[in-house]
Amino acid sequence: MSDRRADALRDAASARSLVVVERARHAIRELERRGATVSFQAVAAEAGVSRAFLYGHAELRAAIEQLRDQHYQRTPSRLPTRERASEESLHARLRGMLEENKRLRSENAQLRDELALAHGEVRELKLARPHRSGK
């Protein structure tokens, strides 16, 4: 490949990259203007670029992470404190789920044993049946 052609390809790739970076910057500004959450997925969808591109571009990555973190710092909890489940309530629910899990494991073991017995009975019936030859 000639040097001129290689230079032209490099220049075209560089120009394309600048266009994509500008699209991503515009998407960030647009999301911020609308008050939407700025995330890698949202910027990628808005700009029509891949998340890998955004993660790989240090400046864009830093801007998205900063805005994302700012959003989560200023976003209040979805439920007021008095409406959230207490720690004791969560522990009680967890205990109940663990007991249910234990009961289901026991039931599964019992069903596996019953199935093994049924398979054994079927095998015995097949072996006890007279063998038919020639048909």
N, C-alpha and C. Protein backbone atom coordinates (compact mmCIF):
# COMPACT_ATOMS: atom_id res chain seq x y z
N MET A 1 0.85 -1.17 0.00
CA MET A 1 0.00 0.00 0.00
C MET A 1 0.90 1.23 0.00
N SER A 2 0.55 2.19 -0.81
CA SER A 2 1.38 3.39 -0.91
C SER A 2 1.22 4.23 0.35
N ASP A 3 2.23 5.07 0.58
CA ASP A 3 2.20 5.93 1.77
C ASP A 3 1.03 6.91 1.70
N ARG A 4 0.74 7.41 0.50
CA ARG A 4 -0.36 8.36 0.36
C ARG A 4 -1.69 7.70 0.70
N ARG A 5 -1.85 6.47 0.23
CA ARG A 5 -3.10 5.76 0.50
C ARG A 5 -3.24 5.45 1.99
N ALA A 6 -2.13 5.01 2.61
CA ALA A 6 -2.15 4.73 4.05
C ALA A 6 -2.47 5.99 4.84
N ASP A 7 -1.87 7.10 4.44
CA ASP A 7 -2.15 8.37 5.12
C ASP A 7 -3.62 8.76 4.96
N ALA A 8 -4.15 8.56 3.76
CA ALA A 8 -5.55 8.90 3.50
C ALA A 8 -6.48 8.04 4.35
N LEU A 9 -6.15 6.74 4.48
CA LEU A 9 -6.97 5.86 5.31
C LEU A 9 -6.91 6.26 6.78
N ARG A 10 -5.70 6.60 7.25
CA ARG A 10 -5.54 7.05 8.64
C ARG A 10 -6.33 8.33 8.89
N ASP A 11 -6.26 9.26 7.94
CA ASP A 11 -6.98 10.52 8.09
C ASP A 11 -8.49 10.28 8.11
N ALA A 12 -8.97 9.39 7.25
CA ALA A 12 -10.40 9.08 7.21
C ALA A 12 -10.85 8.44 8.52
N ALA A 13 -10.04 7.52 9.03
CA ALA A 13 -10.39 6.86 10.30
C ALA A 13 -10.39 7.86 11.45
N SER A 14 -9.43 8.76 11.43
CA SER A 14 -9.36 9.79 12.47
C SER A 14 -10.57 10.71 12.41
N ALA A 15 -10.96 11.10 11.21
CA ALA A 15 -12.13 11.97 11.04
C ALA A 15 -13.40 11.26 11.50
N ARG A 16 -13.52 9.97 11.16
CA ARG A 16 -14.67 9.17 11.58
C ARG A 16 -14.73 9.09 13.10
N SER A 17 -13.58 8.89 13.72
CA SER A 17 -13.51 8.81 15.17
C SER A 17 -13.93 10.11 15.82
N LEU A 18 -13.51 11.24 15.23
CA LEU A 18 -13.90 12.54 15.78
C LEU A 18 -15.41 12.75 15.68
N VAL A 19 -16.00 12.30 14.58
CA VAL A 19 -17.45 12.42 14.40
C VAL A 19 -18.18 11.59 15.47
N VAL A 20 -17.68 10.39 15.72
CA VAL A 20 -18.31 9.50 16.71
C VAL A 20 -18.16 10.08 18.10
N VAL A 21 -16.99 10.63 18.42
CA VAL A 21 -16.77 11.25 19.73
C VAL A 21 -17.72 12.43 19.90
N GLU A 22 -17.89 13.22 18.86
CA GLU A 22 -18.79 14.37 18.96
C GLU A 22 -20.24 13.92 19.14
N ARG A 23 -20.63 12.82 18.47
CA ARG A 23 -21.98 12.28 18.67
C ARG A 23 -22.18 11.85 20.11
N ALA A 24 -21.16 11.22 20.70
CA ALA A 24 -21.25 10.78 22.09
C ALA A 24 -21.34 11.98 23.03
N ARG A 25 -20.54 13.01 22.77
CA ARG A 25 -20.61 14.23 23.61
C ARG A 25 -21.99 14.86 23.53
N HIS A 26 -22.51 14.92 22.31
CA HIS A 26 -23.85 15.49 22.12
C HIS A 26 -24.89 14.65 22.87
N ALA A 27 -24.76 13.34 22.83
CA ALA A 27 -25.70 12.46 23.53
C ALA A 27 -25.64 12.70 25.03
N ILE A 28 -24.44 12.88 25.56
CA ILE A 28 -24.28 13.15 27.00
C ILE A 28 -24.99 14.46 27.36
N ARG A 29 -24.75 15.50 26.56
CA ARG A 29 -25.39 16.80 26.82
C ARG A 29 -26.91 16.67 26.73
N GLU A 30 -27.39 15.94 25.75
CA GLU A 30 -28.82 15.78 25.53
C GLU A 30 -29.47 15.02 26.69
N LEU A 31 -28.84 13.95 27.14
CA LEU A 31 -29.37 13.19 28.28
C LEU A 31 -29.42 14.07 29.53
N GLU A 32 -28.35 14.82 29.73
CA GLU A 32 -28.27 15.70 30.89
C GLU A 32 -29.35 16.79 30.81
N ARG A 33 -29.55 17.35 29.63
CA ARG A 33 -30.56 18.40 29.44
C ARG A 33 -31.95 17.87 29.76
N ARG A 34 -32.23 16.64 29.35
CA ARG A 34 -33.55 16.04 29.61
C ARG A 34 -33.71 15.56 31.04
N GLY A 35 -32.62 15.54 31.79
CA GLY A 35 -32.70 15.07 33.17
C GLY A 35 -32.69 13.55 33.27
N ALA A 36 -32.30 12.90 32.18
CA ALA A 36 -32.24 11.44 32.18
C ALA A 36 -30.95 10.97 32.85
N THR A 37 -30.96 9.75 33.31
CA THR A 37 -29.76 9.18 33.91
C THR A 37 -28.70 8.99 32.83
N VAL A 38 -27.50 9.51 33.08
CA VAL A 38 -26.40 9.35 32.13
C VAL A 38 -25.66 8.07 32.51
N SER A 39 -25.74 7.09 31.66
CA SER A 39 -25.06 5.81 31.86
C SER A 39 -24.42 5.40 30.54
N PHE A 40 -23.53 4.43 30.61
CA PHE A 40 -22.88 3.97 29.38
C PHE A 40 -23.92 3.44 28.40
N GLN A 41 -24.89 2.70 28.90
CA GLN A 41 -25.92 2.14 28.02
C GLN A 41 -26.76 3.24 27.40
N ALA A 42 -27.15 4.23 28.19
CA ALA A 42 -27.99 5.32 27.67
C ALA A 42 -27.24 6.15 26.63
N VAL A 43 -25.98 6.47 26.90
CA VAL A 43 -25.18 7.26 25.96
C VAL A 43 -24.96 6.47 24.67
N ALA A 44 -24.65 5.18 24.81
CA ALA A 44 -24.41 4.34 23.62
C ALA A 44 -25.66 4.30 22.74
N ALA A 45 -26.82 4.13 23.36
CA ALA A 45 -28.07 4.08 22.60
C ALA A 45 -28.37 5.42 21.94
N GLU A 46 -28.18 6.49 22.68
CA GLU A 46 -28.48 7.83 22.16
C GLU A 46 -27.54 8.22 21.02
N ALA A 47 -26.26 7.86 21.15
CA ALA A 47 -25.26 8.26 20.15
C ALA A 47 -25.10 7.25 19.02
N GLY A 48 -25.63 6.07 19.20
CA GLY A 48 -25.47 5.03 18.18
C GLY A 48 -24.05 4.49 18.13
N VAL A 49 -23.43 4.38 19.31
CA VAL A 49 -22.07 3.83 19.39
C VAL A 49 -22.09 2.65 20.34
N SER A 50 -21.00 1.91 20.36
CA SER A 50 -20.93 0.77 21.27
C SER A 50 -20.49 1.21 22.66
N ARG A 51 -20.89 0.43 23.66
CA ARG A 51 -20.42 0.72 25.02
C ARG A 51 -18.91 0.52 25.10
N ALA A 52 -18.38 -0.44 24.34
CA ALA A 52 -16.93 -0.67 24.33
C ALA A 52 -16.19 0.58 23.88
N PHE A 53 -16.74 1.28 22.88
CA PHE A 53 -16.12 2.52 22.42
C PHE A 53 -16.09 3.54 23.55
N LEU A 54 -17.20 3.68 24.27
CA LEU A 54 -17.27 4.65 25.36
C LEU A 54 -16.30 4.29 26.49
N TYR A 55 -16.25 3.01 26.84
CA TYR A 55 -15.33 2.58 27.90
C TYR A 55 -13.88 2.78 27.46
N GLY A 56 -13.61 2.63 26.18
CA GLY A 56 -12.25 2.74 25.67
C GLY A 56 -11.76 4.16 25.47
N HIS A 57 -12.66 5.12 25.47
CA HIS A 57 -12.29 6.52 25.28
C HIS A 57 -12.23 7.19 26.65
N ALA A 58 -11.03 7.50 27.11
CA ALA A 58 -10.82 7.96 28.49
C ALA A 58 -11.65 9.19 28.84
N GLU A 59 -11.69 10.18 27.95
CA GLU A 59 -12.42 11.42 28.25
C GLU A 59 -13.92 11.16 28.39
N LEU A 60 -14.47 10.41 27.44
CA LEU A 60 -15.91 10.11 27.49
C LEU A 60 -16.24 9.26 28.71
N ARG A 61 -15.39 8.29 28.98
CA ARG A 61 -15.61 7.42 30.14
C ARG A 61 -15.65 8.24 31.43
N ALA A 62 -14.69 9.13 31.60
CA ALA A 62 -14.63 9.96 32.81
C ALA A 62 -15.88 10.83 32.93
N ALA A 63 -16.31 11.42 31.83
CA ALA A 63 -17.49 12.28 31.86
C ALA A 63 -18.74 11.49 32.24
N ILE A 64 -18.91 10.32 31.65
CA ILE A 64 -20.09 9.50 31.93
C ILE A 64 -20.07 9.03 33.39
N GLU A 65 -18.91 8.56 33.86
CA GLU A 65 -18.82 8.10 35.25
C GLU A 65 -19.11 9.23 36.23
N GLN A 66 -18.59 10.42 35.94
CA GLN A 66 -18.82 11.57 36.83
C GLN A 66 -20.31 11.92 36.89
N LEU A 67 -20.95 12.02 35.73
CA LEU A 67 -22.37 12.37 35.70
C LEU A 67 -23.23 11.27 36.31
N ARG A 68 -22.87 10.03 36.07
CA ARG A 68 -23.62 8.91 36.64
C ARG A 68 -23.52 8.95 38.17
N ASP A 69 -22.31 9.16 38.68
CA ASP A 69 -22.11 9.22 40.13
C ASP A 69 -22.84 10.40 40.74
N GLN A 70 -22.82 11.54 40.07
CA GLN A 70 -23.55 12.71 40.57
C GLN A 70 -25.04 12.42 40.66
N HIS A 71 -25.56 11.73 39.65
CA HIS A 71 -26.98 11.40 39.64
C HIS A 71 -27.35 10.53 40.84
N TYR A 72 -26.54 9.51 41.11
CA TYR A 72 -26.85 8.61 42.22
C TYR A 72 -26.67 9.28 43.57
N GLN A 73 -25.77 10.25 43.65
CA GLN A 73 -25.57 10.95 44.92
C GLN A 73 -26.75 11.87 45.24
N ARG A 74 -27.35 12.46 44.22
CA ARG A 74 -28.44 13.40 44.49
C ARG A 74 -29.81 12.75 44.40
N THR A 75 -29.88 11.51 43.94
CA THR A 75 -31.16 10.83 43.83
C THR A 75 -31.54 10.28 45.20
N PRO A 76 -32.66 10.73 45.74
CA PRO A 76 -33.07 10.21 47.05
C PRO A 76 -33.53 8.76 46.91
N SER A 77 -33.55 8.09 48.02
CA SER A 77 -34.02 6.71 48.03
C SER A 77 -35.45 6.68 47.50
N ARG A 78 -35.80 5.62 46.84
CA ARG A 78 -37.12 5.52 46.24
C ARG A 78 -38.24 5.49 47.28
N LEU A 79 -37.97 4.89 48.43
CA LEU A 79 -38.97 4.82 49.49
C LEU A 79 -38.54 5.64 50.69
N PRO A 80 -39.48 6.31 51.31
CA PRO A 80 -39.13 7.00 52.54
C PRO A 80 -38.67 6.00 53.60
N THR A 81 -37.84 6.43 54.50
CA THR A 81 -37.26 5.55 55.51
C THR A 81 -38.33 4.79 56.28
N ARG A 82 -39.40 5.45 56.66
CA ARG A 82 -40.42 4.78 57.46
C ARG A 82 -41.17 3.70 56.70
N GLU A 83 -41.09 3.72 55.35
CA GLU A 83 -41.77 2.71 54.55
C GLU A 83 -40.87 1.55 54.15
N ARG A 84 -39.59 1.68 54.39
CA ARG A 84 -38.66 0.60 54.04
C ARG A 84 -38.78 -0.53 55.04
N ALA A 85 -38.49 -1.73 54.59
CA ALA A 85 -38.52 -2.89 55.48
C ALA A 85 -37.42 -2.75 56.51
N SER A 86 -37.76 -3.09 57.76
CA SER A 86 -36.76 -3.01 58.81
C SER A 86 -35.79 -4.18 58.67
N GLU A 87 -34.67 -4.06 59.34
CA GLU A 87 -33.68 -5.13 59.28
C GLU A 87 -34.26 -6.41 59.85
N GLU A 88 -35.02 -6.30 60.94
CA GLU A 88 -35.64 -7.48 61.55
C GLU A 88 -36.63 -8.13 60.59
N SER A 89 -37.40 -7.29 59.88
CA SER A 89 -38.34 -7.80 58.89
C SER A 89 -37.62 -8.56 57.78
N LEU A 90 -36.52 -8.00 57.31
CA LEU A 90 -35.74 -8.67 56.27
C LEU A 90 -35.18 -9.99 56.76
N HIS A 91 -34.71 -10.01 58.02
CA HIS A 91 -34.18 -11.25 58.59
C HIS A 91 -35.28 -12.31 58.71
N ALA A 92 -36.47 -11.87 59.11
CA ALA A 92 -37.60 -12.80 59.23
C ALA A 92 -37.95 -13.38 57.86
N ARG A 93 -37.98 -12.53 56.85
CA ARG A 93 -38.27 -13.02 55.49
C ARG A 93 -37.20 -14.00 55.03
N LEU A 94 -35.94 -13.68 55.32
CA LEU A 94 -34.85 -14.56 54.94
C LEU A 94 -34.98 -15.91 55.63
N ARG A 95 -35.28 -15.89 56.94
CA ARG A 95 -35.45 -17.16 57.67
C ARG A 95 -36.57 -17.98 57.05
N GLY A 96 -37.68 -17.32 56.73
CA GLY A 96 -38.80 -18.03 56.11
C GLY A 96 -38.42 -18.65 54.77
N MET A 97 -37.67 -17.91 53.98
CA MET A 97 -37.25 -18.44 52.67
C MET A 97 -36.26 -19.59 52.82
N LEU A 98 -35.38 -19.49 53.81
CA LEU A 98 -34.43 -20.57 54.05
C LEU A 98 -35.15 -21.83 54.50
N GLU A 99 -36.17 -21.67 55.36
CA GLU A 99 -36.96 -22.83 55.80
C GLU A 99 -37.70 -23.45 54.62
N GLU A 100 -38.28 -22.61 53.77
CA GLU A 100 -38.99 -23.11 52.59
C GLU A 100 -38.01 -23.85 51.66
N ASN A 101 -36.81 -23.29 51.49
CA ASN A 101 -35.79 -23.93 50.66
C ASN A 101 -35.44 -25.31 51.24
N LYS A 102 -35.28 -25.38 52.54
CA LYS A 102 -34.94 -26.65 53.20
C LYS A 102 -36.06 -27.67 52.99
N ARG A 103 -37.33 -27.22 53.13
CA ARG A 103 -38.47 -28.12 52.93
C ARG A 103 -38.50 -28.63 51.49
N LEU A 104 -38.26 -27.74 50.54
CA LEU A 104 -38.28 -28.15 49.13
C LEU A 104 -37.15 -29.12 48.80
N ARG A 105 -35.97 -28.91 49.39
CA ARG A 105 -34.86 -29.84 49.17
C ARG A 105 -35.21 -31.23 49.70
N SER A 106 -35.85 -31.26 50.86
CA SER A 106 -36.26 -32.53 51.45
C SER A 106 -37.30 -33.22 50.57
N GLU A 107 -38.26 -32.44 50.09
CA GLU A 107 -39.29 -32.99 49.20
C GLU A 107 -38.67 -33.52 47.91
N ASN A 108 -37.71 -32.79 47.35
CA ASN A 108 -37.03 -33.25 46.13
C ASN A 108 -36.30 -34.56 46.38
N ALA A 109 -35.63 -34.68 47.51
CA ALA A 109 -34.91 -35.92 47.83
C ALA A 109 -35.89 -37.08 47.93
N GLN A 110 -37.03 -36.86 48.60
CA GLN A 110 -38.04 -37.90 48.74
C GLN A 110 -38.58 -38.31 47.37
N LEU A 111 -38.85 -37.34 46.50
CA LEU A 111 -39.36 -37.65 45.16
C LEU A 111 -38.33 -38.40 44.32
N ARG A 112 -37.05 -38.04 44.49
CA ARG A 112 -36.00 -38.78 43.77
C ARG A 112 -35.96 -40.23 44.22
N ASP A 113 -36.11 -40.47 45.54
CA ASP A 113 -36.12 -41.84 46.06
C ASP A 113 -37.31 -42.62 45.51
N GLU A 114 -38.49 -41.98 45.50
CA GLU A 114 -39.68 -42.63 44.96
C GLU A 114 -39.52 -42.94 43.48
N LEU A 115 -38.92 -42.04 42.75
CA LEU A 115 -38.70 -42.27 41.32
C LEU A 115 -37.73 -43.44 41.10
N ALA A 116 -36.70 -43.50 41.92
CA ALA A 116 -35.74 -44.62 41.80
C ALA A 116 -36.45 -45.94 42.07
N LEU A 117 -37.33 -45.98 43.08
CA LEU A 117 -38.09 -47.22 43.36
C LEU A 117 -38.99 -47.58 42.18
N ALA A 118 -39.65 -46.57 41.60
CA ALA A 118 -40.54 -46.82 40.46
C ALA A 118 -39.74 -47.36 39.27
N HIS A 119 -38.56 -46.80 39.04
CA HIS A 119 -37.71 -47.30 37.95
C HIS A 119 -37.31 -48.75 38.22
N GLY A 120 -37.01 -49.04 39.47
CA GLY A 120 -36.65 -50.42 39.84
C GLY A 120 -37.80 -51.38 39.60
N GLU A 121 -39.01 -50.98 39.98
CA GLU A 121 -40.18 -51.83 39.76
C GLU A 121 -40.42 -52.06 38.27
N VAL A 122 -40.28 -51.03 37.46
CA VAL A 122 -40.46 -51.17 36.01
C VAL A 122 -39.43 -52.15 35.46
N ARG A 123 -38.21 -52.03 35.93
CA ARG A 123 -37.14 -52.94 35.47
C ARG A 123 -37.46 -54.39 35.86
N GLU A 124 -37.93 -54.59 37.09
CA GLU A 124 -38.29 -55.94 37.54
C GLU A 124 -39.42 -56.51 36.70
N LEU A 125 -40.41 -55.69 36.37
CA LEU A 125 -41.53 -56.15 35.54
C LEU A 125 -41.05 -56.53 34.14
N LYS A 126 -40.13 -55.77 33.60
CA LYS A 126 -39.60 -56.09 32.27
C LYS A 126 -38.81 -57.40 32.30
N LEU A 127 -38.05 -57.59 33.37
CA LEU A 127 -37.25 -58.82 33.48
C LEU A 127 -38.13 -60.03 33.75
N ALA A 128 -39.25 -59.86 34.46
CA ALA A 128 -40.13 -60.98 34.80
C ALA A 128 -41.00 -61.40 33.61
N ARG A 129 -41.18 -60.54 32.66
CA ARG A 129 -42.01 -60.83 31.49
C ARG A 129 -41.29 -61.86 30.62
N PRO A 130 -42.05 -62.85 30.15
CA PRO A 130 -41.42 -63.86 29.27
C PRO A 130 -40.89 -63.20 28.00
N HIS A 131 -39.74 -63.65 27.61
CA HIS A 131 -39.10 -63.10 26.43
C HIS A 131 -39.73 -63.67 25.18
N ARG A 132 -40.13 -62.82 24.26
CA ARG A 132 -40.73 -63.26 23.00
C ARG A 132 -39.63 -63.34 21.95
N SER A 133 -39.55 -64.46 21.31
CA SER A 133 -38.52 -64.60 20.26
C SER A 133 -39.18 -64.75 18.92
N GLY A 134 -38.51 -64.26 17.91
CA GLY A 134 -38.97 -64.43 16.54
C GLY A 134 -40.05 -63.46 16.11
N LYS A 135 -40.53 -62.62 16.92
CA LYS A 135 -41.57 -61.67 16.50
C LYS A 135 -41.12 -60.29 16.70
